[in-house]
Amino acid sequence: MDNLVDMSPDPILAAEPGRVVGLVGHPGLGLTRLGLGMLAGPARLGPVAAVDARGWLSPAAAWEVGVGPDRLVVVRCADRSLWPRVTAALLEGLGAVYAEVPAGVGDAVLRRLAALARSRRSALVLRPLRGGLPSGLAHLRLEAVGVRWEGAGADHPAGRRAGDGRHRTSGRGGR
């Protein structure tokens, strides 16, 4: 069963040890901000990482949602053949990882990473840049269905920032 929930700009969700969260939806709906915000809780305990597959993730976005600059590692990796090894290495040593999934990464690779996250008790937040995630992979799946923009230039992209997002939840953690 799917549930529709509103998410505030300060996410109430935290990435949990050994759990996989999937964030799916079109660009511009606040999923990067939500994913980075989910690292804030684990960042209080130790370093966390963001795997940037697009090459333009700003550390300031993580700082705005509560991830301290001394706790965040940003790794840029758009190469889909190298991406699984980079993400696995981060899961081996850190408590939480937000990873943008490049197009073309196979389901088997994602399932292996999810198994690694569970075995290492590391939180893994996956944000596929195209398509979705394999069925049953994520403990919680959040699908962006809308966002309310706010700020002085709310009608113009150059002067706006994300307000409340609307997400459809599913999975074992979405109840």
Protein backbone atom coordinates (compact mmCIF):
# COMPACT_ATOMS: atom_id res chain seq x y z
CA MET A 1 0.00 0.00 0.00
CA ASP A 2 1.32 3.44 -0.90
CA ASN A 3 1.01 6.42 1.42
CA LEU A 4 1.24 10.07 0.41
CA VAL A 5 3.20 12.21 2.88
CA ASP A 6 4.35 15.81 3.07
CA MET A 7 8.01 16.37 3.89
CA SER A 8 9.19 19.59 5.52
CA PRO A 9 12.40 21.27 4.35
CA ASP A 10 14.05 19.80 7.46
CA PRO A 11 13.55 16.07 6.90
CA ILE A 12 12.23 14.09 9.82
CA LEU A 13 13.64 10.91 8.34
CA ALA A 14 17.08 9.66 9.27
CA ALA A 15 19.06 6.98 7.52
CA GLU A 16 19.09 3.91 9.77
CA PRO A 17 21.98 1.45 10.20
CA GLY A 18 21.69 -1.52 7.87
CA ARG A 19 18.72 -0.08 5.97
CA VAL A 20 18.41 0.88 2.32
CA VAL A 21 16.24 3.83 1.30
CA GLY A 22 15.31 4.49 -2.32
CA LEU A 23 14.54 8.00 -3.57
CA VAL A 24 12.90 8.09 -6.98
CA GLY A 25 11.40 10.85 -9.09
CA HIS A 26 12.14 13.58 -11.56
CA PRO A 27 14.89 16.16 -10.99
CA GLY A 28 13.86 19.36 -9.25
CA LEU A 29 11.57 17.75 -6.69
CA GLY A 30 13.91 18.02 -3.70
CA LEU A 31 15.22 14.45 -3.60
CA THR A 32 18.89 15.43 -3.29
CA ARG A 33 18.07 17.69 -0.36
CA LEU A 34 15.99 14.95 1.25
CA GLY A 35 18.74 12.36 0.75
CA LEU A 36 21.42 14.63 2.19
CA GLY A 37 19.11 15.48 5.09
CA MET A 38 18.81 11.79 5.89
CA LEU A 39 22.58 11.80 6.56
CA ALA A 40 22.29 14.43 9.32
CA GLY A 41 21.51 11.92 12.08
CA PRO A 42 24.32 9.48 11.23
CA ALA A 43 26.72 12.44 10.77
CA ARG A 44 26.39 13.21 14.47
CA LEU A 45 28.05 9.84 15.14
CA GLY A 46 30.78 9.91 12.50
CA PRO A 47 31.68 10.74 8.91
CA VAL A 48 29.17 10.17 6.10
CA ALA A 49 29.53 10.27 2.32
CA ALA A 50 27.70 11.46 -0.76
CA VAL A 51 28.52 9.86 -4.11
CA ASP A 52 27.93 12.52 -6.75
CA ALA A 53 27.30 10.94 -10.17
CA ARG A 54 26.28 14.20 -11.89
CA GLY A 55 29.30 16.25 -10.89
CA TRP A 56 27.47 19.20 -9.38
CA LEU A 57 26.45 18.26 -5.84
CA SER A 58 27.34 21.14 -3.52
CA PRO A 59 28.57 20.37 0.01
CA ALA A 60 26.72 23.52 1.10
CA ALA A 61 23.44 21.71 0.39
CA ALA A 62 24.39 19.10 2.99
CA TRP A 63 25.49 21.74 5.47
CA GLU A 64 22.09 23.46 5.13
CA VAL A 65 20.29 20.30 6.26
CA GLY A 66 22.52 19.60 9.26
CA VAL A 67 25.51 17.61 7.99
CA GLY A 68 28.62 19.28 9.42
CA PRO A 69 31.46 20.16 7.03
CA ASP A 70 33.87 18.11 9.13
CA ARG A 71 31.65 15.01 8.74
CA LEU A 72 30.95 14.99 4.99
CA VAL A 73 32.97 13.30 2.25
CA VAL A 74 31.83 14.05 -1.31
CA VAL A 75 33.08 11.64 -3.96
CA ARG A 76 32.45 12.45 -7.61
CA CYS A 77 32.02 9.30 -9.68
CA ALA A 78 29.96 9.22 -12.88
CA ASP A 79 31.67 6.12 -14.33
CA ARG A 80 29.09 3.33 -14.02
CA SER A 81 31.81 0.64 -14.08
CA LEU A 82 33.76 2.28 -11.23
CA TRP A 83 30.73 3.48 -9.24
CA PRO A 84 29.96 0.13 -7.52
CA ARG A 85 33.51 -0.21 -6.17
CA VAL A 86 33.58 3.38 -4.94
CA THR A 87 30.21 3.01 -3.21
CA ALA A 88 31.18 -0.36 -1.69
CA ALA A 89 34.42 1.08 -0.30
CA LEU A 90 32.49 3.89 1.37
CA LEU A 91 29.97 1.44 2.84
CA GLU A 92 32.85 -0.61 4.27
CA GLY A 93 34.14 2.31 6.30
CA LEU A 94 31.31 4.78 6.97
CA GLY A 95 28.01 4.70 8.82
CA ALA A 96 25.90 6.21 6.04
CA VAL A 97 26.16 6.85 2.29
CA TYR A 98 23.91 8.85 -0.04
CA ALA A 99 24.61 7.69 -3.60
CA GLU A 100 23.32 8.95 -6.90
CA VAL A 101 23.06 5.88 -9.13
CA PRO A 102 24.35 6.48 -12.68
CA ALA A 103 22.22 5.24 -15.57
CA GLY A 104 23.07 1.70 -16.60
CA VAL A 105 23.99 0.25 -13.20
CA GLY A 106 22.42 -3.22 -13.10
CA ASP A 107 19.98 -4.65 -10.58
CA ALA A 108 22.48 -7.31 -9.44
CA VAL A 109 25.03 -4.62 -8.56
CA LEU A 110 22.43 -2.70 -6.54
CA ARG A 111 21.38 -5.87 -4.72
CA ARG A 112 25.03 -6.62 -3.79
CA LEU A 113 25.46 -3.09 -2.43
CA ALA A 114 22.24 -3.40 -0.42
CA ALA A 115 23.47 -6.70 1.04
CA LEU A 116 26.80 -5.07 1.93
CA ALA A 117 25.01 -2.17 3.64
CA ARG A 118 22.93 -4.58 5.69
CA SER A 119 25.91 -6.75 6.67
CA ARG A 120 28.05 -3.71 7.64
CA ARG A 121 25.12 -2.01 9.39
CA SER A 122 25.65 1.04 7.18
CA ALA A 123 22.76 3.16 5.99
CA LEU A 124 22.47 3.41 2.20
CA VAL A 125 20.32 6.04 0.48
CA LEU A 126 20.09 5.38 -3.27
CA ARG A 127 18.97 8.03 -5.77
CA PRO A 128 18.76 6.54 -9.28
CA LEU A 129 19.26 9.26 -11.89
CA ARG A 130 17.16 7.32 -14.43
CA GLY A 131 14.54 4.71 -13.80
CA GLY A 132 13.86 3.09 -10.47
CA LEU A 133 15.24 0.48 -8.13
CA PRO A 134 14.69 -3.28 -8.19
CA SER A 135 11.56 -4.44 -6.41
CA GLY A 136 12.12 -5.29 -2.76
CA LEU A 137 15.58 -3.70 -2.60
CA ALA A 138 14.71 -0.74 -0.36
CA HIS A 139 13.34 -0.94 3.15
CA LEU A 140 11.71 2.41 2.41
CA ARG A 141 10.98 3.88 -1.00
CA LEU A 142 10.08 7.54 -1.37
CA GLU A 143 8.77 8.69 -4.72
CA ALA A 144 8.67 12.45 -5.25
CA VAL A 145 5.31 13.56 -6.59
CA GLY A 146 5.53 17.32 -6.10
CA VAL A 147 7.19 20.23 -4.35
CA ARG A 148 6.10 23.67 -3.25
CA TRP A 149 8.66 26.37 -4.10
CA GLU A 150 9.16 29.35 -1.84
CA GLY A 151 11.28 32.47 -1.64
CA ALA A 152 11.43 35.87 -3.27
CA GLY A 153 11.60 34.43 -6.78
CA ALA A 154 9.28 31.46 -6.28
CA ASP A 155 7.92 31.92 -9.80
CA HIS A 156 11.39 31.96 -11.34
CA PRO A 157 13.94 29.11 -10.95
CA ALA A 158 16.87 31.49 -10.30
CA GLY A 159 15.38 32.84 -7.08
CA ARG A 160 13.68 29.87 -5.51
CA ARG A 161 14.39 27.13 -3.04
CA ALA A 162 12.51 23.98 -2.25
CA GLY A 163 9.80 24.19 0.35
CA ASP A 164 7.70 21.24 1.34
CA GLY A 165 7.95 18.16 -0.83
CA ARG A 166 5.23 15.58 -1.37
CA HIS A 167 6.36 11.97 -1.50
CA ARG A 168 4.61 8.64 -1.92
CA THR A 169 6.00 6.02 0.45
CA SER A 170 6.13 2.28 -0.01
CA GLY A 171 8.11 -0.66 1.31
CA ARG A 172 8.46 -2.23 4.73
CA GLY A 173 9.53 1.11 6.24
CA GLY A 174 6.67 3.11 4.68
CA ARG A 175 3.91 1.92 6.94
